[in-house]
Amino acid sequence: MSVEPTARRAEWPVPPVGGWTADDLDKLPNLPPHTELIDGSLVFVGPQTLFHSRAVSFFEWQLQSLAPEDFEVVREFTIDIDRQNRPEPDVIVVPEHVIQDPEQTRFPAETVRLAIEVVSTESMSRDRETKPLKYARAGIPVYWRVENDNGRAVVYVFELEPNTGQYTSTGIFRGRMKVDVPFAVDLDLTAITTKRRRPREQ
């Protein structure tokens, strides 16, 4: 008599009444990397595209080279908006003083001076709609949304309007991006390519 194998159930975390909290992200075992908390729900990130990886690296390194000494640029790091929201922007700029401990796992959202999201297919509605509302509510003064337009980067720049507490568009950049906040940057967006550039032969 043969015994039919028992199918293993996927063991997903069962949320408590009222949903997960920001503190739970540091306690829940075996969460996938880059898990976010949005409105008390865990959000698992899909596979990263090459464009996404190249774009995140580009902004991380470019901003690190241009940031004043009293700013720090951090990649893929969670921020506390409130008890039920702890998203993870692709790149953030924060004042140097908020970095206090190598074991830190998050920063207060109100300390973030710039949040950057590189849009992917599965994150499109969050990056275009959900996150900008939450970042504005948290008082993050500048938000950049980076999109892939047939292999070329397009950057949508938003600044917080102090009277309304909402973001207003201050520019759409292709090719070259030149802005003054949170500090002066002049970026060649055509450098975001899937293949490493090689010098042309003379």
N, C-alpha and C. Protein backbone atom coordinates (compact mmCIF):
# COMPACT_ATOMS: atom_id res chain seq x y z
N MET A 1 0.86 -1.20 0.00
CA MET A 1 0.00 0.00 0.00
C MET A 1 0.89 1.24 0.00
N SER A 2 0.68 2.06 -1.01
CA SER A 2 1.50 3.26 -1.11
C SER A 2 0.83 4.41 -0.37
N VAL A 3 1.66 5.30 0.08
CA VAL A 3 1.15 6.46 0.81
C VAL A 3 1.35 7.69 -0.07
N GLU A 4 0.26 8.39 -0.33
CA GLU A 4 0.36 9.59 -1.15
C GLU A 4 1.15 10.67 -0.40
N PRO A 5 2.10 11.30 -1.09
CA PRO A 5 2.85 12.37 -0.43
C PRO A 5 1.92 13.52 -0.05
N THR A 6 2.20 14.09 1.08
CA THR A 6 1.40 15.23 1.54
C THR A 6 2.00 16.52 1.00
N ALA A 7 1.17 17.28 0.30
CA ALA A 7 1.65 18.54 -0.26
C ALA A 7 1.97 19.51 0.87
N ARG A 8 3.12 20.15 0.76
CA ARG A 8 3.51 21.12 1.79
C ARG A 8 2.83 22.44 1.53
N ARG A 9 2.26 22.98 2.56
CA ARG A 9 1.64 24.29 2.45
C ARG A 9 2.71 25.38 2.59
N ALA A 10 2.52 26.44 1.80
CA ALA A 10 3.39 27.60 1.98
C ALA A 10 3.05 28.24 3.32
N GLU A 11 4.06 28.52 4.09
CA GLU A 11 3.84 29.09 5.42
C GLU A 11 3.99 30.60 5.35
N TRP A 12 2.85 31.27 5.15
CA TRP A 12 2.85 32.72 5.08
C TRP A 12 2.54 33.29 6.46
N PRO A 13 3.13 34.44 6.79
CA PRO A 13 2.81 35.05 8.08
C PRO A 13 1.33 35.42 8.14
N VAL A 14 0.69 35.11 9.24
CA VAL A 14 -0.72 35.45 9.42
C VAL A 14 -0.79 36.76 10.19
N PRO A 15 -1.39 37.79 9.58
CA PRO A 15 -1.39 39.10 10.25
C PRO A 15 -2.26 39.11 11.50
N PRO A 16 -1.86 39.86 12.49
CA PRO A 16 -2.70 40.00 13.68
C PRO A 16 -3.89 40.91 13.38
N VAL A 17 -4.84 40.95 14.29
CA VAL A 17 -5.97 41.86 14.14
C VAL A 17 -5.45 43.29 14.06
N GLY A 18 -5.88 44.02 13.05
CA GLY A 18 -5.41 45.39 12.87
C GLY A 18 -4.20 45.50 11.96
N GLY A 19 -3.64 44.35 11.55
CA GLY A 19 -2.52 44.37 10.62
C GLY A 19 -1.17 44.43 11.31
N TRP A 20 -0.13 44.30 10.51
CA TRP A 20 1.24 44.35 11.03
C TRP A 20 1.60 45.78 11.39
N THR A 21 2.64 45.94 12.19
CA THR A 21 3.15 47.26 12.56
C THR A 21 4.59 47.42 12.08
N ALA A 22 5.06 48.66 12.10
CA ALA A 22 6.43 48.94 11.65
C ALA A 22 7.46 48.13 12.43
N ASP A 23 7.23 47.94 13.71
CA ASP A 23 8.16 47.18 14.54
C ASP A 23 8.22 45.71 14.13
N ASP A 24 7.11 45.19 13.59
CA ASP A 24 7.07 43.77 13.23
C ASP A 24 8.07 43.41 12.13
N LEU A 25 8.42 44.36 11.26
CA LEU A 25 9.36 44.05 10.18
C LEU A 25 10.72 43.59 10.71
N ASP A 26 11.08 44.04 11.89
CA ASP A 26 12.36 43.65 12.48
C ASP A 26 12.27 42.34 13.26
N LYS A 27 11.05 41.82 13.43
CA LYS A 27 10.87 40.63 14.27
C LYS A 27 10.40 39.40 13.50
N LEU A 28 9.70 39.60 12.40
CA LEU A 28 9.14 38.47 11.67
C LEU A 28 10.27 37.66 11.02
N PRO A 29 10.30 36.35 11.21
CA PRO A 29 11.37 35.54 10.64
C PRO A 29 11.13 35.24 9.15
N ASN A 30 12.23 35.07 8.43
CA ASN A 30 12.21 34.55 7.06
C ASN A 30 11.45 35.42 6.06
N LEU A 31 11.39 36.72 6.31
CA LEU A 31 10.79 37.60 5.31
C LEU A 31 11.72 37.74 4.12
N PRO A 32 11.17 37.82 2.90
CA PRO A 32 12.04 38.06 1.73
C PRO A 32 12.74 39.41 1.85
N PRO A 33 13.90 39.56 1.22
CA PRO A 33 14.58 40.85 1.25
C PRO A 33 13.68 41.95 0.70
N HIS A 34 13.82 43.13 1.25
CA HIS A 34 13.14 44.34 0.78
C HIS A 34 11.63 44.29 0.97
N THR A 35 11.16 43.51 1.96
CA THR A 35 9.74 43.52 2.28
C THR A 35 9.36 44.88 2.87
N GLU A 36 8.24 45.42 2.41
CA GLU A 36 7.76 46.71 2.89
C GLU A 36 6.46 46.52 3.66
N LEU A 37 6.11 47.55 4.44
CA LEU A 37 4.83 47.57 5.13
C LEU A 37 4.03 48.75 4.60
N ILE A 38 2.89 48.46 3.98
CA ILE A 38 2.01 49.50 3.44
C ILE A 38 0.62 49.27 4.01
N ASP A 39 0.13 50.23 4.77
CA ASP A 39 -1.21 50.15 5.36
C ASP A 39 -1.41 48.86 6.16
N GLY A 40 -0.39 48.46 6.90
CA GLY A 40 -0.48 47.29 7.76
C GLY A 40 -0.33 45.96 7.05
N SER A 41 -0.08 45.99 5.74
CA SER A 41 0.10 44.76 4.97
C SER A 41 1.54 44.63 4.50
N LEU A 42 2.04 43.40 4.48
CA LEU A 42 3.38 43.14 3.97
C LEU A 42 3.35 43.15 2.45
N VAL A 43 4.31 43.84 1.86
CA VAL A 43 4.43 43.90 0.40
C VAL A 43 5.75 43.26 0.02
N PHE A 44 5.68 42.19 -0.77
CA PHE A 44 6.87 41.47 -1.21
C PHE A 44 7.27 41.96 -2.59
N VAL A 45 8.53 42.25 -2.76
CA VAL A 45 9.03 42.83 -4.00
C VAL A 45 9.29 41.73 -5.02
N GLY A 46 8.90 41.97 -6.27
CA GLY A 46 9.13 41.01 -7.35
C GLY A 46 10.58 41.03 -7.80
N PRO A 47 10.94 40.13 -8.74
CA PRO A 47 12.31 40.10 -9.27
C PRO A 47 12.70 41.45 -9.87
N GLN A 48 13.93 41.85 -9.64
CA GLN A 48 14.41 43.15 -10.10
C GLN A 48 14.88 43.08 -11.54
N THR A 49 14.46 44.06 -12.35
CA THR A 49 14.92 44.12 -13.74
C THR A 49 16.31 44.74 -13.79
N LEU A 50 16.99 44.53 -14.90
CA LEU A 50 18.32 45.11 -15.07
C LEU A 50 18.25 46.62 -15.10
N PHE A 51 17.22 47.18 -15.76
CA PHE A 51 17.07 48.64 -15.77
C PHE A 51 16.94 49.17 -14.35
N HIS A 52 16.13 48.51 -13.54
CA HIS A 52 15.93 48.95 -12.16
C HIS A 52 17.25 48.95 -11.40
N SER A 53 18.01 47.87 -11.52
CA SER A 53 19.28 47.77 -10.82
C SER A 53 20.25 48.86 -11.27
N ARG A 54 20.36 49.07 -12.59
CA ARG A 54 21.27 50.09 -13.11
C ARG A 54 20.86 51.49 -12.66
N ALA A 55 19.55 51.77 -12.68
CA ALA A 55 19.07 53.10 -12.31
C ALA A 55 19.33 53.38 -10.83
N VAL A 56 19.04 52.41 -9.98
CA VAL A 56 19.27 52.60 -8.54
C VAL A 56 20.75 52.85 -8.27
N SER A 57 21.61 52.06 -8.90
CA SER A 57 23.06 52.24 -8.71
C SER A 57 23.51 53.60 -9.20
N PHE A 58 22.97 54.03 -10.34
CA PHE A 58 23.34 55.34 -10.91
C PHE A 58 23.03 56.46 -9.93
N PHE A 59 21.81 56.50 -9.41
CA PHE A 59 21.44 57.60 -8.51
C PHE A 59 22.17 57.50 -7.19
N GLU A 60 22.39 56.30 -6.70
CA GLU A 60 23.15 56.15 -5.46
C GLU A 60 24.54 56.75 -5.60
N TRP A 61 25.27 56.34 -6.63
CA TRP A 61 26.66 56.78 -6.77
C TRP A 61 26.76 58.24 -7.19
N GLN A 62 25.90 58.68 -8.09
CA GLN A 62 25.95 60.08 -8.52
C GLN A 62 25.64 61.02 -7.36
N LEU A 63 24.62 60.71 -6.59
CA LEU A 63 24.27 61.58 -5.46
C LEU A 63 25.32 61.54 -4.37
N GLN A 64 25.93 60.39 -4.15
CA GLN A 64 27.01 60.32 -3.17
C GLN A 64 28.17 61.24 -3.56
N SER A 65 28.44 61.34 -4.84
CA SER A 65 29.55 62.18 -5.29
C SER A 65 29.22 63.67 -5.25
N LEU A 66 27.92 64.01 -5.25
CA LEU A 66 27.51 65.40 -5.31
C LEU A 66 26.98 65.95 -3.99
N ALA A 67 26.63 65.08 -3.06
CA ALA A 67 25.99 65.52 -1.81
C ALA A 67 26.96 66.31 -0.94
N PRO A 68 26.49 67.39 -0.32
CA PRO A 68 27.31 68.10 0.67
C PRO A 68 27.69 67.17 1.82
N GLU A 69 28.69 67.56 2.58
CA GLU A 69 29.22 66.69 3.64
C GLU A 69 28.20 66.37 4.72
N ASP A 70 27.20 67.24 4.91
CA ASP A 70 26.23 67.00 5.98
C ASP A 70 25.04 66.16 5.53
N PHE A 71 25.14 65.54 4.33
CA PHE A 71 24.10 64.64 3.86
C PHE A 71 24.67 63.25 3.62
N GLU A 72 23.81 62.25 3.76
CA GLU A 72 24.16 60.87 3.45
C GLU A 72 23.18 60.32 2.42
N VAL A 73 23.67 59.49 1.51
CA VAL A 73 22.84 58.84 0.49
C VAL A 73 22.79 57.35 0.83
N VAL A 74 21.58 56.80 0.94
CA VAL A 74 21.41 55.42 1.36
C VAL A 74 20.50 54.70 0.37
N ARG A 75 20.88 53.48 0.03
CA ARG A 75 20.14 52.69 -0.94
C ARG A 75 19.25 51.66 -0.23
N GLU A 76 17.99 51.53 -0.70
CA GLU A 76 17.09 50.45 -0.28
C GLU A 76 17.06 50.28 1.23
N PHE A 77 16.51 51.30 1.89
CA PHE A 77 16.49 51.34 3.35
C PHE A 77 15.11 51.82 3.79
N THR A 78 14.53 51.14 4.78
CA THR A 78 13.16 51.47 5.16
C THR A 78 13.08 52.76 5.98
N ILE A 79 11.91 53.38 5.88
CA ILE A 79 11.65 54.61 6.63
C ILE A 79 10.31 54.47 7.35
N ASP A 80 10.25 55.00 8.56
CA ASP A 80 9.04 54.97 9.38
C ASP A 80 8.15 56.16 9.05
N ILE A 81 6.99 55.91 8.47
CA ILE A 81 6.02 56.97 8.26
C ILE A 81 5.06 57.03 9.44
N ASP A 82 4.51 55.88 9.78
CA ASP A 82 3.66 55.76 10.97
C ASP A 82 3.65 54.29 11.37
N ARG A 83 2.76 53.95 12.30
CA ARG A 83 2.74 52.59 12.86
C ARG A 83 2.48 51.52 11.79
N GLN A 84 1.73 51.85 10.75
CA GLN A 84 1.34 50.86 9.75
C GLN A 84 2.01 51.04 8.39
N ASN A 85 2.95 51.96 8.31
CA ASN A 85 3.61 52.21 7.03
C ASN A 85 5.11 52.36 7.21
N ARG A 86 5.82 51.42 6.61
CA ARG A 86 7.28 51.43 6.64
C ARG A 86 7.78 51.01 5.26
N PRO A 87 7.71 51.92 4.29
CA PRO A 87 8.15 51.60 2.93
C PRO A 87 9.67 51.63 2.82
N GLU A 88 10.16 51.15 1.69
CA GLU A 88 11.59 51.14 1.42
C GLU A 88 11.86 51.81 0.08
N PRO A 89 12.12 53.12 0.07
CA PRO A 89 12.48 53.78 -1.19
C PRO A 89 13.76 53.18 -1.77
N ASP A 90 13.92 53.33 -3.07
CA ASP A 90 15.12 52.78 -3.71
C ASP A 90 16.37 53.55 -3.30
N VAL A 91 16.26 54.86 -3.18
CA VAL A 91 17.38 55.69 -2.73
C VAL A 91 16.80 56.82 -1.88
N ILE A 92 17.47 57.17 -0.80
CA ILE A 92 17.07 58.32 -0.01
C ILE A 92 18.29 59.18 0.32
N VAL A 93 18.00 60.45 0.57
CA VAL A 93 19.00 61.38 1.08
C VAL A 93 18.55 61.84 2.45
N VAL A 94 19.44 61.71 3.43
CA VAL A 94 19.10 62.09 4.81
C VAL A 94 20.23 62.93 5.39
N PRO A 95 19.94 63.74 6.41
CA PRO A 95 21.02 64.46 7.10
C PRO A 95 21.96 63.47 7.79
N GLU A 96 23.20 63.84 7.85
CA GLU A 96 24.22 62.97 8.42
C GLU A 96 23.89 62.55 9.86
N HIS A 97 23.26 63.43 10.62
CA HIS A 97 23.07 63.16 12.05
C HIS A 97 22.10 62.01 12.33
N VAL A 98 21.26 61.62 11.35
CA VAL A 98 20.30 60.53 11.63
C VAL A 98 20.98 59.16 11.59
N ILE A 99 22.19 59.09 11.06
CA ILE A 99 22.92 57.83 11.05
C ILE A 99 23.72 57.75 12.34
N GLN A 100 23.26 56.90 13.24
CA GLN A 100 23.84 56.84 14.58
C GLN A 100 24.39 55.48 14.95
N ASP A 101 23.97 54.43 14.25
CA ASP A 101 24.30 53.08 14.68
C ASP A 101 24.39 52.17 13.47
N PRO A 102 25.46 51.39 13.33
CA PRO A 102 25.56 50.48 12.18
C PRO A 102 24.49 49.39 12.17
N GLU A 103 23.80 49.20 13.29
CA GLU A 103 22.73 48.20 13.36
C GLU A 103 21.35 48.80 13.08
N GLN A 104 21.29 50.07 12.72
CA GLN A 104 20.01 50.69 12.38
C GLN A 104 19.34 49.94 11.23
N THR A 105 18.00 49.87 11.28
CA THR A 105 17.25 49.23 10.20
C THR A 105 16.26 50.19 9.54
N ARG A 106 16.18 51.43 10.03
CA ARG A 106 15.21 52.38 9.49
C ARG A 106 15.54 53.79 9.94
N PHE A 107 14.98 54.76 9.23
CA PHE A 107 15.08 56.16 9.61
C PHE A 107 13.68 56.74 9.75
N PRO A 108 13.50 57.77 10.58
CA PRO A 108 12.21 58.47 10.61
C PRO A 108 11.96 59.15 9.26
N ALA A 109 10.77 58.99 8.71
CA ALA A 109 10.48 59.54 7.39
C ALA A 109 10.63 61.06 7.36
N GLU A 110 10.35 61.71 8.49
CA GLU A 110 10.42 63.17 8.50
C GLU A 110 11.84 63.70 8.36
N THR A 111 12.85 62.84 8.50
CA THR A 111 14.23 63.29 8.32
C THR A 111 14.69 63.18 6.86
N VAL A 112 13.92 62.49 6.02
CA VAL A 112 14.33 62.26 4.64
C VAL A 112 14.17 63.54 3.83
N ARG A 113 15.21 63.92 3.12
CA ARG A 113 15.16 65.12 2.30
C ARG A 113 14.79 64.82 0.84
N LEU A 114 15.07 63.60 0.39
CA LEU A 114 14.73 63.18 -0.97
C LEU A 114 14.46 61.69 -0.96
N ALA A 115 13.36 61.29 -1.60
CA ALA A 115 13.06 59.87 -1.79
C ALA A 115 12.97 59.61 -3.29
N ILE A 116 13.61 58.52 -3.72
CA ILE A 116 13.61 58.14 -5.14
C ILE A 116 13.01 56.75 -5.27
N GLU A 117 12.08 56.59 -6.19
CA GLU A 117 11.55 55.28 -6.52
C GLU A 117 11.76 55.02 -8.01
N VAL A 118 12.33 53.86 -8.32
CA VAL A 118 12.46 53.41 -9.70
C VAL A 118 11.30 52.46 -9.97
N VAL A 119 10.46 52.82 -10.92
CA VAL A 119 9.21 52.11 -11.15
C VAL A 119 9.47 50.79 -11.87
N SER A 120 8.81 49.74 -11.39
CA SER A 120 8.78 48.46 -12.09
C SER A 120 7.32 48.12 -12.37
N THR A 121 7.09 47.08 -13.15
CA THR A 121 5.72 46.74 -13.52
C THR A 121 4.86 46.48 -12.29
N GLU A 122 5.39 45.73 -11.33
CA GLU A 122 4.58 45.37 -10.17
C GLU A 122 4.45 46.50 -9.15
N SER A 123 5.32 47.52 -9.24
CA SER A 123 5.26 48.61 -8.26
C SER A 123 4.63 49.87 -8.82
N MET A 124 4.13 49.82 -10.05
CA MET A 124 3.70 51.04 -10.74
C MET A 124 2.66 51.83 -9.96
N SER A 125 1.59 51.17 -9.51
CA SER A 125 0.54 51.92 -8.81
C SER A 125 1.04 52.44 -7.46
N ARG A 126 1.89 51.68 -6.79
CA ARG A 126 2.43 52.16 -5.51
C ARG A 126 3.31 53.38 -5.72
N ASP A 127 4.18 53.33 -6.75
CA ASP A 127 5.13 54.42 -6.95
C ASP A 127 4.48 55.67 -7.53
N ARG A 128 3.40 55.48 -8.30
CA ARG A 128 2.73 56.63 -8.91
C ARG A 128 1.64 57.22 -8.01
N GLU A 129 1.02 56.39 -7.17
CA GLU A 129 -0.14 56.85 -6.42
C GLU A 129 0.04 56.72 -4.91
N THR A 130 0.26 55.50 -4.42
CA THR A 130 0.25 55.26 -2.98
C THR A 130 1.41 55.95 -2.27
N LYS A 131 2.62 55.69 -2.73
CA LYS A 131 3.78 56.21 -2.01
C LYS A 131 3.89 57.73 -2.05
N PRO A 132 3.64 58.39 -3.19
CA PRO A 132 3.71 59.87 -3.15
C PRO A 132 2.78 60.48 -2.12
N LEU A 133 1.59 59.93 -1.96
CA LEU A 133 0.67 60.46 -0.95
C LEU A 133 1.25 60.30 0.45
N LYS A 134 1.84 59.15 0.71
CA LYS A 134 2.38 58.88 2.04
C LYS A 134 3.67 59.68 2.27
N TYR A 135 4.50 59.81 1.27
CA TYR A 135 5.73 60.59 1.42
C TYR A 135 5.40 62.07 1.66
N ALA A 136 4.40 62.58 0.95
CA ALA A 136 4.00 63.97 1.16
C ALA A 136 3.45 64.17 2.57
N ARG A 137 2.62 63.22 3.02
CA ARG A 137 2.06 63.31 4.36
C ARG A 137 3.15 63.29 5.42
N ALA A 138 4.24 62.57 5.14
CA ALA A 138 5.35 62.49 6.09
C ALA A 138 6.25 63.72 6.04
N GLY A 139 6.00 64.60 5.06
CA GLY A 139 6.78 65.84 4.98
C GLY A 139 8.09 65.72 4.22
N ILE A 140 8.25 64.67 3.41
CA ILE A 140 9.46 64.53 2.59
C ILE A 140 9.41 65.59 1.49
N PRO A 141 10.35 66.52 1.46
CA PRO A 141 10.19 67.69 0.59
C PRO A 141 10.34 67.43 -0.90
N VAL A 142 11.09 66.37 -1.28
CA VAL A 142 11.33 66.12 -2.71
C VAL A 142 11.16 64.64 -3.00
N TYR A 143 10.47 64.35 -4.11
CA TYR A 143 10.25 62.97 -4.55
C TYR A 143 10.58 62.87 -6.03
N TRP A 144 11.43 61.88 -6.38
CA TRP A 144 11.75 61.61 -7.79
C TRP A 144 11.19 60.24 -8.16
N ARG A 145 10.46 60.19 -9.25
CA ARG A 145 9.97 58.91 -9.78
C ARG A 145 10.67 58.64 -11.11
N VAL A 146 11.36 57.52 -11.17
CA VAL A 146 12.17 57.18 -12.34
C VAL A 146 11.46 56.08 -13.12
N GLU A 147 11.25 56.30 -14.42
CA GLU A 147 10.56 55.31 -15.24
C GLU A 147 11.39 54.92 -16.45
N ASN A 148 11.13 53.73 -16.93
CA ASN A 148 11.83 53.17 -18.09
C ASN A 148 10.99 53.44 -19.33
N ASP A 149 11.49 54.29 -20.22
CA ASP A 149 10.81 54.60 -21.48
C ASP A 149 11.61 53.99 -22.62
N ASN A 150 11.28 52.73 -22.94
CA ASN A 150 11.99 52.01 -24.01
C ASN A 150 13.50 51.99 -23.79
N GLY A 151 13.90 51.71 -22.55
CA GLY A 151 15.31 51.60 -22.23
C GLY A 151 15.98 52.90 -21.83
N ARG A 152 15.26 54.00 -21.87
CA ARG A 152 15.81 55.30 -21.47
C ARG A 152 15.11 55.79 -20.21
N ALA A 153 15.88 56.38 -19.33
CA ALA A 153 15.32 56.85 -18.05
C ALA A 153 14.61 58.18 -18.23
N VAL A 154 13.43 58.27 -17.63
CA VAL A 154 12.70 59.53 -17.52
C VAL A 154 12.47 59.77 -16.03
N VAL A 155 12.79 60.98 -15.57
CA VAL A 155 12.67 61.30 -14.15
C VAL A 155 11.60 62.37 -13.96
N TYR A 156 10.60 62.04 -13.15
CA TYR A 156 9.53 62.97 -12.80
C TYR A 156 9.85 63.52 -11.41
N VAL A 157 9.96 64.83 -11.32
CA VAL A 157 10.39 65.48 -10.07
C VAL A 157 9.20 66.20 -9.44
N PHE A 158 9.04 65.98 -8.13
CA PHE A 158 7.95 66.60 -7.38
C PHE A 158 8.52 67.26 -6.12
N GLU A 159 7.96 68.42 -5.80
CA GLU A 159 8.32 69.11 -4.57
C GLU A 159 7.08 69.34 -3.73
N LEU A 160 7.26 69.34 -2.42
CA LEU A 160 6.15 69.49 -1.49
C LEU A 160 5.70 70.94 -1.45
N GLU A 161 4.41 71.16 -1.68
CA GLU A 161 3.83 72.50 -1.60
C GLU A 161 3.43 72.75 -0.14
N PRO A 162 4.10 73.67 0.54
CA PRO A 162 3.89 73.80 1.99
C PRO A 162 2.47 74.17 2.38
N ASN A 163 1.76 74.90 1.54
CA ASN A 163 0.40 75.33 1.91
C ASN A 163 -0.62 74.21 1.80
N THR A 164 -0.39 73.27 0.88
CA THR A 164 -1.35 72.18 0.68
C THR A 164 -0.88 70.86 1.27
N GLY A 165 0.44 70.74 1.52
CA GLY A 165 0.98 69.48 1.98
C GLY A 165 0.97 68.40 0.93
N GLN A 166 0.87 68.78 -0.35
CA GLN A 166 0.84 67.84 -1.45
C GLN A 166 1.99 68.12 -2.41
N TYR A 167 2.34 67.10 -3.20
CA TYR A 167 3.41 67.28 -4.19
C TYR A 167 2.89 68.02 -5.42
N THR A 168 3.76 68.85 -5.95
CA THR A 168 3.50 69.49 -7.23
C THR A 168 4.65 69.16 -8.17
N SER A 169 4.34 68.92 -9.43
CA SER A 169 5.37 68.58 -10.42
C SER A 169 6.23 69.79 -10.72
N THR A 170 7.55 69.60 -10.67
CA THR A 170 8.46 70.70 -10.98
C THR A 170 9.36 70.37 -12.17
N GLY A 171 9.11 69.25 -12.84
CA GLY A 171 9.90 68.95 -14.03
C GLY A 171 9.84 67.50 -14.44
N ILE A 172 9.99 67.28 -15.75
CA ILE A 172 10.14 65.94 -16.32
C ILE A 172 11.44 65.97 -17.12
N PHE A 173 12.35 65.06 -16.81
CA PHE A 173 13.70 65.13 -17.37
C PHE A 173 14.03 63.89 -18.19
N ARG A 174 14.54 64.14 -19.38
CA ARG A 174 15.08 63.11 -20.26
C ARG A 174 16.46 63.57 -20.73
N GLY A 175 17.38 62.67 -20.80
CA GLY A 175 18.71 63.03 -21.28
C GLY A 175 19.54 63.71 -20.23
N ARG A 176 19.19 64.93 -19.86
CA ARG A 176 19.92 65.67 -18.85
C ARG A 176 18.97 66.14 -17.76
N MET A 177 19.41 66.02 -16.52
CA MET A 177 18.61 66.43 -15.37
C MET A 177 19.39 67.43 -14.55
N LYS A 178 18.83 68.62 -14.42
CA LYS A 178 19.50 69.67 -13.66
C LYS A 178 18.51 70.28 -12.69
N VAL A 179 18.76 70.09 -11.37
CA VAL A 179 17.87 70.63 -10.33
C VAL A 179 18.72 71.21 -9.21
N ASP A 180 18.05 71.98 -8.35
CA ASP A 180 18.76 72.66 -7.25
C ASP A 180 18.42 72.11 -5.87
N VAL A 181 17.41 71.21 -5.77
CA VAL A 181 17.03 70.69 -4.46
C VAL A 181 17.01 69.17 -4.51
N PRO A 182 17.39 68.50 -3.41
CA PRO A 182 17.79 69.06 -2.11
C PRO A 182 19.17 69.72 -2.12
N PHE A 183 19.92 69.51 -3.22
CA PHE A 183 21.17 70.23 -3.47
C PHE A 183 21.37 70.20 -4.98
N ALA A 184 22.32 70.99 -5.46
CA ALA A 184 22.50 71.13 -6.90
C ALA A 184 23.03 69.83 -7.52
N VAL A 185 22.33 69.36 -8.56
CA VAL A 185 22.80 68.20 -9.31
C VAL A 185 22.63 68.47 -10.80
N ASP A 186 23.54 67.92 -11.57
CA ASP A 186 23.49 68.00 -13.03
C ASP A 186 23.86 66.61 -13.53
N LEU A 187 22.86 65.84 -13.98
CA LEU A 187 23.05 64.42 -14.26
C LEU A 187 22.82 64.10 -15.74
N ASP A 188 23.65 63.23 -16.26
CA ASP A 188 23.48 62.70 -17.61
C ASP A 188 22.68 61.40 -17.52
N LEU A 189 21.38 61.49 -17.76
CA LEU A 189 20.53 60.31 -17.61
C LEU A 189 20.78 59.27 -18.69
N THR A 190 21.44 59.65 -19.78
CA THR A 190 21.75 58.67 -20.82
C THR A 190 22.80 57.67 -20.35
N ALA A 191 23.44 57.96 -19.20
CA ALA A 191 24.43 57.03 -18.65
C ALA A 191 23.77 55.80 -18.01
N ILE A 192 22.46 55.85 -17.82
CA ILE A 192 21.74 54.68 -17.29
C ILE A 192 21.49 53.73 -18.45
N THR A 193 22.37 52.77 -18.61
CA THR A 193 22.29 51.82 -19.71
C THR A 193 22.40 50.40 -19.15
N THR A 194 21.87 49.43 -19.91
CA THR A 194 21.95 48.05 -19.45
C THR A 194 23.34 47.48 -19.63
N LYS A 195 24.09 48.01 -20.61
CA LYS A 195 25.46 47.55 -20.81
C LYS A 195 26.43 48.64 -20.44
N ARG A 196 27.55 48.25 -19.89
CA ARG A 196 28.58 49.22 -19.52
C ARG A 196 29.13 49.89 -20.76
N ARG A 197 29.23 51.21 -20.70
CA ARG A 197 29.76 51.94 -21.86
C ARG A 197 31.24 51.71 -22.01
N ARG A 198 31.67 51.59 -23.25
CA ARG A 198 33.09 51.47 -23.55
C ARG A 198 33.52 52.65 -24.42
N PRO A 199 34.75 53.14 -24.22
CA PRO A 199 35.20 54.27 -25.04
C PRO A 199 35.25 53.90 -26.51
N ARG A 200 34.87 54.84 -27.35
CA ARG A 200 34.91 54.59 -28.77
C ARG A 200 36.35 54.52 -29.28
N GLU A 201 36.55 53.68 -30.26
CA GLU A 201 37.87 53.57 -30.86
C GLU A 201 38.14 54.80 -31.71
N GLN A 202 39.36 55.28 -31.59
CA GLN A 202 39.76 56.45 -32.37
C GLN A 202 40.08 56.08 -33.81
